[in-house]
Every structure is written in C-alpha cells, then in structure tokens.
Amino acid sequence: MEEKVVDRRVRKTKRQLRLAPVYIHYKDVYDLLSSLEDELAEGLVVVCRRHNAKDSEGKTYPYLMELYQYIEQNADLCHVLLGKNGDIAFTDRICHILRDEFLYDFLAYYYPNDPAMLDYFCSFIVSGNMSLALTWIDGGMKQTAEEMAVLAGEIIMHGVKVLETKA
C-alpha cells in the first residue's frame, strides 16, 4: 500500500518536473495556448502585409506562396490550433486576418465593380483556403507549399475549371 502511494508521488513529481520549464515562461497552460495563438496570428499578419494586390499577377501567386510556406513551417501548430479540435474563436480571428490584411484589397483591386459581393467572395475564399490547408496537413503534406499555392491560386481565379486541366 505504501509503495503505491510513493509510486504515485514519484509519477506526479516527474510530471511536474516535465512541466516546470513551461511554467517558468507561462502562468499556466492557457497562457501558453494564448501565446501560441498570438504567435501564429502575428506571423500571418506579417505575411499578409508583406504583399499587395498588384504583386499577385500571373501564375506565381507570391502571396499564396509565402502563405503556404508559412503554413508548412507551422504545420503542427496549424493542425492543433485550427483543426477540428481547435477554438472556433481563434479560427475566426485567423479568417479575419487573411481577409482584412490582404484578400479584400486584392479582390477590390481586380474586381472593383460590386463591393457588396466582395464580402461573399472573401468568406468563400478564406474558408476554402483554410480547409485546403488543413486537408493538405492532414494528408501528410505530399505536395510542396509551392504546389499548394499554385493550386489555391488557380482555384481562386478559375474555380472548377482547374479540374478540366488535370483530366
């Protein structure tokens, strides 16, 4: 009986020692989570602000290239924070960043005729890219970030017609 108590205490102490470095830098697990979310979000803002709509002409899609490279570099974090068990409020925050820091201006630059429709297109494109990126991560990232950026760009610009060229 005494041996079981000692064993439990030893295991608890080992767990605490493993977590000790975390608590040196963070108040608790929620503080760590908040810090990771902020880090991912701030990195996306940097990526978005580095590009403007005029840079995205042609088939290279420089913004999407850098966006998918960022996703690739942070794949584990994206999977955890944005995947099926992630916080919907954080996912919404990321969607707003992608929309407000780049996509809306991109669409308004190339398609300025109907500002009311831009919101619909932005919602569709952002949620589609979020899903595309998570599907890529969940599938083991067999394609390169560059291939995914081109695919995303082609889907955005040409929709279902992209499938015609693959047949």
Foldseek 3Di string as FASTA:
>chain_A
DVVVVVVVVVVVVVVCVVCVVVVVPAVDVVRVVVVLLVVLLVVLLVLLQVDALVVQPDLQRVSQLVVLVSCVVCVVSLCAQVNPPHDVVSVVSSLCSVLVSYQLRNCCVVPVPDSVCSVVLSVVLSVVLSVLSNVCSVVPVPDDSSVSSSVSVCCSVPNPCVVVVVD
